[in-house]
Protein backbone atom coordinates (compact mmCIF):
# COMPACT_ATOMS: atom_id res chain seq x y z
CA MET A 1 -84.04 63.16 -54.61
CA LYS A 2 -82.20 62.35 -51.14
CA SER A 3 -79.99 60.30 -52.92
CA ILE A 4 -79.38 63.31 -55.53
CA SER A 5 -79.32 66.16 -52.65
CA ASN A 6 -76.53 63.72 -50.69
CA THR A 7 -74.25 63.10 -53.83
CA LEU A 8 -74.35 67.34 -54.63
CA ALA A 9 -73.48 67.95 -51.00
CA SER A 10 -70.69 65.04 -51.32
CA VAL A 11 -69.26 67.00 -54.24
CA LEU A 12 -69.78 70.52 -52.97
CA LEU A 13 -67.83 69.38 -49.84
CA TRP A 14 -65.31 67.49 -52.21
CA SER A 15 -64.79 70.62 -54.12
CA GLY A 16 -64.95 73.20 -50.84
CA ALA A 17 -61.91 71.24 -49.34
CA TRP A 18 -59.96 71.13 -52.89
CA LEU A 19 -60.26 74.70 -53.09
CA GLY A 20 -59.25 75.47 -49.25
CA THR A 21 -56.08 72.96 -50.05
CA ALA A 22 -55.78 74.87 -53.24
CA ALA A 23 -55.95 78.42 -51.32
CA HIS A 24 -52.47 78.57 -49.89
CA ALA A 25 -50.75 76.57 -52.55
CA THR A 26 -50.33 79.81 -55.05
CA GLN A 27 -46.83 80.38 -55.26
CA ASP A 28 -43.82 78.57 -55.30
CA LEU A 29 -41.07 78.23 -52.65
CA PRO A 30 -37.80 78.64 -53.77
CA GLY A 31 -35.87 75.57 -52.36
CA GLY A 32 -39.02 73.78 -51.52
CA PRO A 33 -42.03 72.77 -53.08
CA ALA A 34 -43.55 73.75 -56.17
CA VAL A 35 -47.43 74.58 -57.35
CA ARG A 36 -48.29 71.64 -59.65
CA GLN A 37 -44.71 69.83 -59.53
CA LEU A 38 -44.07 67.12 -61.16
CA ASN A 39 -40.56 66.45 -61.54
CA LEU A 40 -37.76 66.00 -58.86
CA ALA A 41 -36.89 68.95 -57.32
CA PRO A 42 -34.33 71.39 -59.03
CA PRO A 43 -30.85 69.77 -58.11
CA VAL A 44 -28.58 71.72 -55.88
CA THR A 45 -25.21 69.42 -55.48
CA ARG A 46 -23.72 66.95 -57.80
CA ILE A 47 -25.42 63.74 -56.37
CA ALA A 48 -28.71 65.13 -57.07
CA GLN A 49 -28.10 66.12 -60.59
CA GLU A 50 -26.24 63.23 -61.52
CA GLN A 51 -29.93 61.33 -59.86
CA HIS A 52 -32.16 63.39 -62.12
CA TYR A 53 -29.63 62.22 -65.28
CA LEU A 54 -30.41 58.68 -64.16
CA HIS A 55 -34.01 59.45 -63.78
CA TRP A 56 -34.41 60.23 -66.96
CA MET A 57 -32.19 58.02 -68.71
CA MET A 58 -34.05 55.13 -67.53
CA LEU A 59 -37.51 56.89 -68.18
CA ILE A 60 -36.55 56.82 -71.54
CA ILE A 61 -35.14 53.80 -71.79
CA CYS A 62 -38.04 51.84 -69.97
CA SER A 63 -40.30 53.92 -72.19
CA VAL A 64 -38.83 52.65 -75.69
CA ILE A 65 -38.81 49.35 -74.70
CA PHE A 66 -42.33 49.65 -73.73
CA VAL A 67 -43.56 51.62 -77.32
CA GLY A 68 -41.06 48.79 -78.93
CA VAL A 69 -42.79 45.69 -77.52
CA PHE A 70 -46.34 46.78 -77.25
CA ALA A 71 -45.70 48.32 -81.15
CA VAL A 72 -45.07 44.37 -82.19
CA MET A 73 -47.16 42.48 -79.89
CA PHE A 74 -50.24 44.87 -81.29
CA TYR A 75 -48.96 44.77 -84.60
CA SER A 76 -48.81 40.93 -84.59
CA ILE A 77 -52.32 40.36 -83.09
CA TRP A 78 -53.33 43.02 -86.07
CA LYS A 79 -51.81 41.86 -89.13
CA HIS A 80 -52.72 37.84 -88.16
CA ARG A 81 -56.28 37.77 -86.64
CA LYS A 82 -58.02 34.93 -87.27
CA SER A 83 -60.48 37.17 -89.55
CA ARG A 84 -57.75 37.62 -91.91
CA GLY A 85 -57.57 33.84 -93.02
CA ALA A 86 -54.14 33.58 -90.90
CA LYS A 87 -52.85 29.94 -89.91
CA PRO A 88 -50.38 29.73 -86.88
CA ALA A 89 -47.17 28.87 -87.88
CA ASN A 90 -45.91 25.40 -86.67
CA PHE A 91 -42.02 25.51 -85.72
CA HIS A 92 -40.14 24.31 -82.98
CA GLU A 93 -37.46 26.87 -80.79
CA SER A 94 -34.84 29.34 -82.42
CA VAL A 95 -31.41 29.19 -80.89
CA ALA A 96 -30.37 32.62 -82.63
CA VAL A 97 -33.79 34.38 -81.28
CA GLU A 98 -33.13 32.78 -77.44
CA VAL A 99 -30.16 33.97 -77.48
CA ALA A 100 -31.13 37.32 -78.65
CA TRP A 101 -33.85 37.77 -75.67
CA THR A 102 -31.42 36.90 -73.68
CA VAL A 103 -28.41 38.98 -74.43
CA VAL A 104 -29.76 42.25 -75.63
CA PRO A 105 -32.14 42.59 -72.25
CA PHE A 106 -28.33 41.79 -70.35
CA ILE A 107 -26.58 44.78 -72.48
CA ILE A 108 -29.56 47.11 -71.61
CA VAL A 109 -29.32 45.83 -67.81
CA ILE A 110 -25.53 46.35 -67.59
CA LEU A 111 -25.91 49.76 -69.76
CA MET A 112 -28.29 50.48 -66.70
CA ALA A 113 -26.57 49.41 -64.17
CA LEU A 114 -23.17 50.90 -64.68
CA PRO A 115 -23.98 54.95 -64.13
CA ALA A 116 -26.27 54.06 -60.87
CA THR A 117 -23.83 52.21 -59.45
CA LYS A 118 -21.31 54.58 -59.66
CA VAL A 119 -23.67 57.28 -58.47
CA LEU A 120 -24.53 54.82 -55.58
CA VAL A 121 -21.17 54.31 -54.52
CA ALA A 122 -20.43 58.08 -54.63
CA GLN A 123 -23.55 58.47 -52.22
CA LYS A 124 -21.87 56.97 -49.52
CA ASP A 125 -18.22 58.16 -49.46
CA THR A 126 -18.57 60.16 -46.58
CA THR A 127 -14.89 60.42 -45.96
CA ASN A 128 -12.75 63.75 -46.24
CA ALA A 129 -15.82 65.79 -44.72
CA ASP A 130 -15.66 69.75 -43.91
CA LEU A 131 -18.25 69.45 -41.29
CA THR A 132 -19.72 66.50 -39.57
CA ILE A 133 -23.67 66.97 -38.53
CA LYS A 134 -25.17 64.11 -36.34
CA VAL A 135 -29.00 64.44 -36.86
CA THR A 136 -31.54 63.27 -34.01
CA GLY A 137 -35.17 62.37 -34.70
CA TYR A 138 -37.39 62.84 -31.97
CA GLN A 139 -41.06 62.77 -31.69
CA TRP A 140 -41.79 65.59 -33.48
CA LYS A 141 -38.90 67.65 -34.11
CA TRP A 142 -34.92 67.64 -34.97
CA GLY A 143 -31.67 67.70 -33.04
CA TYR A 144 -28.36 69.06 -34.42
CA ASP A 145 -24.88 68.18 -33.03
CA TYR A 146 -22.03 69.72 -35.02
CA LEU A 147 -19.49 67.07 -33.92
CA SER A 148 -16.37 68.06 -36.45
CA GLY A 149 -15.38 70.94 -38.60
CA GLU A 150 -16.09 74.45 -37.80
CA GLY A 151 -18.78 74.88 -35.58
CA GLU A 152 -17.89 71.63 -33.36
CA GLY A 153 -19.83 71.80 -30.00
CA LEU A 154 -22.82 73.82 -31.01
CA ALA A 155 -25.82 71.41 -30.57
CA TYR A 156 -29.71 73.09 -30.45
CA ILE A 157 -33.23 71.82 -31.40
CA SER A 158 -35.03 72.76 -34.68
CA THR A 159 -39.10 72.41 -34.02
CA LEU A 160 -42.03 73.61 -36.63
CA ASP A 161 -42.65 77.87 -35.50
CA VAL A 162 -45.44 77.51 -33.28
CA GLY A 163 -47.33 80.37 -34.93
CA GLN A 164 -47.59 77.89 -38.31
CA ARG A 165 -48.68 75.30 -35.83
CA GLN A 166 -51.32 77.60 -34.34
CA MET A 167 -52.44 78.23 -37.83
CA SER A 168 -52.76 74.73 -38.99
CA ASP A 169 -54.78 73.89 -36.08
CA SER A 170 -57.11 76.77 -36.71
CA GLY A 171 -57.86 75.46 -39.85
CA ASN A 172 -57.20 79.02 -40.86
CA VAL A 173 -54.98 78.86 -43.53
CA ALA A 174 -56.27 80.97 -46.19
CA ASN A 175 -53.76 83.43 -46.08
CA ALA A 176 -51.14 80.53 -45.55
CA PRO A 177 -46.86 81.79 -46.36
CA ALA A 178 -45.13 79.57 -49.15
CA ASP A 179 -43.21 77.51 -46.58
CA TYR A 180 -46.46 76.59 -44.42
CA LEU A 181 -45.59 73.67 -41.93
CA LEU A 182 -42.26 74.02 -43.18
CA ARG A 183 -41.08 77.21 -41.00
CA VAL A 184 -38.47 76.56 -38.20
CA ASP A 185 -37.06 78.00 -35.12
CA ASN A 186 -33.41 76.93 -35.50
CA PRO A 187 -32.73 75.82 -39.30
CA LEU A 188 -29.41 73.44 -40.01
CA VAL A 189 -26.90 76.02 -40.93
CA VAL A 190 -24.25 74.89 -43.19
CA PRO A 191 -21.41 76.89 -45.46
CA VAL A 192 -21.38 76.76 -49.73
CA GLY A 193 -19.56 74.40 -51.61
CA ARG A 194 -18.02 72.58 -48.29
CA LYS A 195 -18.38 68.66 -47.56
CA VAL A 196 -20.91 68.06 -44.82
CA ARG A 197 -21.34 64.63 -43.70
CA VAL A 198 -24.41 63.81 -41.91
CA ILE A 199 -24.70 61.16 -38.86
CA THR A 200 -28.58 60.27 -38.43
CA THR A 201 -30.04 58.40 -35.25
CA ALA A 202 -33.36 58.72 -33.28
CA ASN A 203 -34.34 59.20 -29.81
CA ASP A 204 -37.42 56.91 -29.89
CA VAL A 205 -38.94 55.59 -33.36
CA ILE A 206 -37.72 55.25 -37.31
CA HIS A 207 -37.80 58.71 -38.61
CA SER A 208 -36.06 59.98 -41.80
CA PHE A 209 -34.05 62.84 -42.41
CA ALA A 210 -34.79 63.76 -46.37
CA VAL A 211 -33.81 66.95 -48.86
CA PRO A 212 -34.72 66.74 -51.91
CA ALA A 213 -32.98 69.15 -53.43
CA PHE A 214 -29.82 67.69 -52.20
CA GLY A 215 -30.71 64.36 -52.90
CA ILE A 216 -30.30 63.07 -49.60
CA LYS A 217 -32.79 60.58 -47.31
CA GLN A 218 -31.35 58.73 -44.96
CA ASP A 219 -33.37 56.89 -42.16
CA ALA A 220 -32.49 57.73 -38.70
CA ILE A 221 -33.30 54.35 -36.49
CA PRO A 222 -33.23 54.08 -32.68
CA GLY A 223 -30.01 52.36 -31.50
CA PHE A 224 -28.12 52.69 -35.08
CA VAL A 225 -25.92 54.78 -36.83
CA ARG A 226 -26.65 56.10 -40.67
CA ASP A 227 -24.77 58.66 -42.72
CA THR A 228 -25.07 60.17 -45.68
CA TRP A 229 -23.35 63.68 -47.23
CA PHE A 230 -24.06 66.72 -49.73
CA ARG A 231 -21.97 69.40 -50.58
CA ALA A 232 -24.48 72.32 -51.75
CA GLU A 233 -23.52 74.32 -54.70
CA GLN A 234 -25.75 77.22 -54.04
CA VAL A 235 -26.77 79.85 -51.48
CA GLY A 236 -29.94 79.44 -49.83
CA ASP A 237 -32.98 78.29 -48.13
CA TYR A 238 -33.50 74.25 -49.15
CA TYR A 239 -36.36 72.31 -47.33
CA GLY A 240 -37.73 69.01 -46.86
CA GLN A 241 -39.49 66.87 -44.22
CA CYS A 242 -39.16 63.45 -42.21
CA ALA A 243 -39.68 61.07 -45.04
CA GLU A 244 -41.20 58.09 -42.50
CA LEU A 245 -44.38 58.00 -40.78
CA CYS A 246 -43.42 58.36 -36.91
CA GLY A 247 -46.79 58.91 -35.92
CA LYS A 248 -49.24 61.56 -35.45
CA GLU A 249 -47.55 64.74 -35.24
CA HIS A 250 -45.56 63.47 -38.68
CA ALA A 251 -46.73 66.44 -40.26
CA TYR A 252 -45.19 69.06 -38.34
CA MET A 253 -41.19 67.37 -38.93
CA PRO A 254 -40.26 70.17 -41.31
CA ILE A 255 -36.40 70.71 -42.50
CA HIS A 256 -34.79 73.80 -43.08
CA VAL A 257 -31.61 73.78 -44.25
CA LYS A 258 -30.03 77.17 -44.74
CA VAL A 259 -26.82 77.16 -46.96
CA VAL A 260 -24.44 80.40 -46.26
CA SER A 261 -21.29 81.76 -47.84
CA ALA A 262 -18.08 81.04 -45.90
CA GLU A 263 -17.76 84.05 -44.16
CA ASP A 264 -21.32 84.62 -43.33
CA TYR A 265 -20.99 80.65 -41.50
CA THR A 266 -18.17 81.94 -39.48
CA GLN A 267 -20.29 85.04 -38.27
CA TRP A 268 -22.95 82.17 -37.38
CA VAL A 269 -20.61 80.11 -35.41
CA ALA A 270 -19.39 82.88 -33.72
CA ALA A 271 -22.95 84.49 -32.85
CA GLU A 272 -24.12 80.86 -31.79
CA LYS A 273 -21.06 79.85 -29.59
CA LYS A 274 -21.63 82.94 -27.86
CA LYS A 275 -25.50 82.18 -27.01
CA ALA A 276 -24.08 78.83 -26.25
CA ALA A 277 -21.96 79.97 -23.59
CA ALA A 278 -24.63 82.65 -22.23
CA LYS A 279 -26.27 79.72 -21.53
CA ALA A 280 -23.90 77.21 -20.20
CA ASP A 281 -25.54 78.10 -16.60
CA ASP A 282 -24.21 76.66 -13.58
CA PRO A 283 -26.83 74.23 -12.40
CA ASN A 284 -25.63 74.56 -8.68
CA LYS A 285 -26.79 78.41 -8.73
CA VAL A 286 -29.90 78.98 -6.16
CA TRP A 287 -32.88 80.75 -8.38
CA THR A 288 -35.91 82.37 -7.22
CA LEU A 289 -38.95 82.35 -8.34
CA GLU A 290 -39.09 85.45 -10.00
CA ALA A 291 -36.23 85.06 -11.54
CA ILE A 292 -37.00 82.19 -13.44
CA LEU A 293 -40.60 81.80 -14.21
CA PRO A 294 -39.78 84.05 -17.57
CA ARG A 295 -37.26 81.37 -18.47
CA GLY A 296 -39.85 78.65 -18.10
CA GLU A 297 -42.75 80.34 -20.14
CA LYS A 298 -39.91 80.86 -22.95
CA VAL A 299 -38.49 76.90 -22.66
CA TYR A 300 -42.71 76.04 -22.81
CA ALA A 301 -43.38 78.25 -25.62
CA ALA A 302 -40.47 76.93 -28.00
CA ASN A 303 -40.72 72.80 -26.96
CA CYS A 304 -44.35 72.41 -25.31
CA ALA A 305 -46.76 74.59 -26.38
CA ALA A 306 -47.18 72.78 -29.61
CA CYS A 307 -48.45 69.32 -27.88
CA HIS A 308 -49.81 70.72 -24.52
CA GLN A 309 -51.20 73.87 -26.07
CA PRO A 310 -50.00 77.16 -24.97
CA ASN A 311 -53.18 76.89 -21.95
CA GLY A 312 -51.85 73.79 -20.98
CA LYS A 313 -55.21 72.25 -21.57
CA GLY A 314 -53.08 69.39 -23.77
CA ALA A 315 -55.44 68.01 -26.71
CA GLY A 316 -56.32 64.06 -27.78
CA PRO A 317 -54.49 61.64 -26.18
CA ILE A 318 -52.13 64.25 -24.95
CA LYS A 319 -52.82 64.86 -21.52
CA PRO A 320 -53.48 68.29 -19.71
CA LEU A 321 -50.73 70.06 -17.53
CA ASP A 322 -53.07 72.68 -16.25
CA GLY A 323 -54.79 70.75 -12.98
CA SER A 324 -52.50 67.61 -13.50
CA ALA A 325 -51.91 65.91 -9.76
CA ILE A 326 -48.19 64.92 -10.87
CA VAL A 327 -47.22 68.72 -11.79
CA LYS A 328 -48.95 69.97 -8.78
CA ASP A 329 -47.29 67.17 -6.76
CA GLU A 330 -45.22 68.71 -3.94
CA ASP A 331 -42.29 65.70 -4.86
CA HIS A 332 -40.53 67.16 -7.49
CA ALA A 333 -38.80 63.89 -8.49
CA ARG A 334 -41.76 62.42 -10.68
CA GLN A 335 -42.51 64.99 -12.94
CA ILE A 336 -38.58 65.61 -13.63
CA GLN A 337 -38.02 61.70 -14.42
CA ILE A 338 -41.26 61.90 -16.45
CA VAL A 339 -39.75 65.40 -18.56
CA LEU A 340 -36.18 63.34 -18.62
CA LYS A 341 -37.08 60.37 -19.66
CA GLY A 342 -40.23 60.44 -22.03
CA ALA A 343 -43.27 58.89 -20.98
CA ALA A 344 -46.02 57.34 -22.58
CA GLY A 345 -43.81 54.82 -25.03
CA GLY A 346 -42.91 57.87 -26.78
CA ALA A 347 -45.96 59.93 -26.82
CA MET A 348 -44.05 61.94 -24.37
CA PRO A 349 -40.74 62.07 -25.80
CA SER A 350 -37.35 62.94 -23.75
CA TRP A 351 -36.08 66.44 -23.19
CA ALA A 352 -32.73 65.24 -21.57
CA GLN A 353 -30.60 67.47 -24.32
CA LEU A 354 -32.12 70.45 -22.48
CA SER A 355 -30.15 72.15 -19.69
CA ASP A 356 -30.73 71.51 -16.37
CA THR A 357 -31.74 75.22 -15.62
CA ASP A 358 -34.13 75.02 -18.98
CA LEU A 359 -35.71 71.32 -17.75
CA ALA A 360 -35.69 73.37 -14.62
CA ALA A 361 -37.50 76.59 -15.86
CA VAL A 362 -40.29 74.67 -17.32
CA ILE A 363 -40.91 72.15 -14.34
CA THR A 364 -41.38 75.56 -12.45
CA TYR A 365 -43.27 77.25 -15.18
CA THR A 366 -45.95 74.19 -14.96
CA LYS A 367 -46.44 74.17 -11.74
CA ASN A 368 -47.16 77.89 -11.20
CA ALA A 369 -48.95 78.42 -14.56
CA TRP A 370 -52.64 79.05 -15.29
CA SER A 371 -54.77 77.72 -12.33
CA ASN A 372 -51.87 75.48 -10.59
CA LYS A 373 -50.33 78.66 -8.94
CA THR A 374 -48.54 76.17 -6.48
CA GLY A 375 -45.84 78.22 -5.60
CA GLN A 376 -43.27 75.51 -6.07
CA LEU A 377 -39.84 76.56 -7.32
CA VAL A 378 -37.56 73.69 -8.99
CA GLN A 379 -33.63 74.22 -8.63
CA PRO A 380 -31.35 73.12 -11.55
CA SER A 381 -29.49 70.91 -8.80
CA GLU A 382 -32.35 68.55 -8.77
CA VAL A 383 -32.85 68.48 -12.10
CA LEU A 384 -28.78 67.50 -12.35
CA ALA A 385 -29.76 64.54 -9.43
CA GLN A 386 -32.24 62.81 -11.50
CA ARG A 387 -29.94 62.58 -14.83
CA GLY A 388 -28.50 59.16 -13.25
CA LYS A 389 -31.20 57.37 -11.41
């Protein structure tokens, strides 16, 4: 009876887990995953369309070969079985048969290789791009730098929406939206109909930038530069994820690409450049504690709270900031260096991409939030002085 009870409990537990998972997977996400999706994502680029064609062409060819070979094999076994008195033939090699089973597969392979090679070459042709964007993988977020074309000079970090991370941590996902764990604070914005070259690299470990609707998947490797490209033919929102296991937060590293019209893209670039100009603070400006704390709280919520928690208590191997001796130390250099260069073998990533003022603000915030209340103030000039060390 005990064994039966344990089995029944296991079945109920598995069923509950399956139903809990299925509870929020009740609607398709345009540009992202679909409920009970079996085929590739609907393509919105020419390359993705060619990949779909290759997929079905090769699947059909392989299926026909499979059915043909096994049909002949099973027919031969059945037709020439011993119970029917079949006697094995006694013959030597046949030149015609050997030529046939060599030439025919060779022709089939060539017919498959020609269109595949054409698509593969086209996938790597990143010349004559209208925009060039460097995509940097971090644990666990994406950095986007617009290197050339309209929008040149823009740069920002894209992280998982804080609300969705909190929803995941709580386990209460019964009413999760269709874009659960795919919503980000800053999507990658590109214009429709323009060739976008994507240069990938990474800051810590190997990541992979993959957007199924575009037919692209390019590894981002520390110390190396790889590239790919796409030209979206439809306006819309398209989703992907890091496709390389990159650590414990791998599931929280989504990609959101927003494809907009040329006019909307021009307006977006203008607005972003205004924001960038407003954020270009003078690192020599002297701040007061009251003025810098609200900014530090915003920087913390956008970049740090996902790991260290909004209450600063940390979680698992993530060390708490509330009560930390390093945070409360009057010597600011050590905490500044950790924020600039990272620590714990990459578990704490580098945040050098943030401005001196943002880093000074968030460090000051941690020194005065929760129970710390040190009253210490870190100026941007201190961060600037530590960058070269």
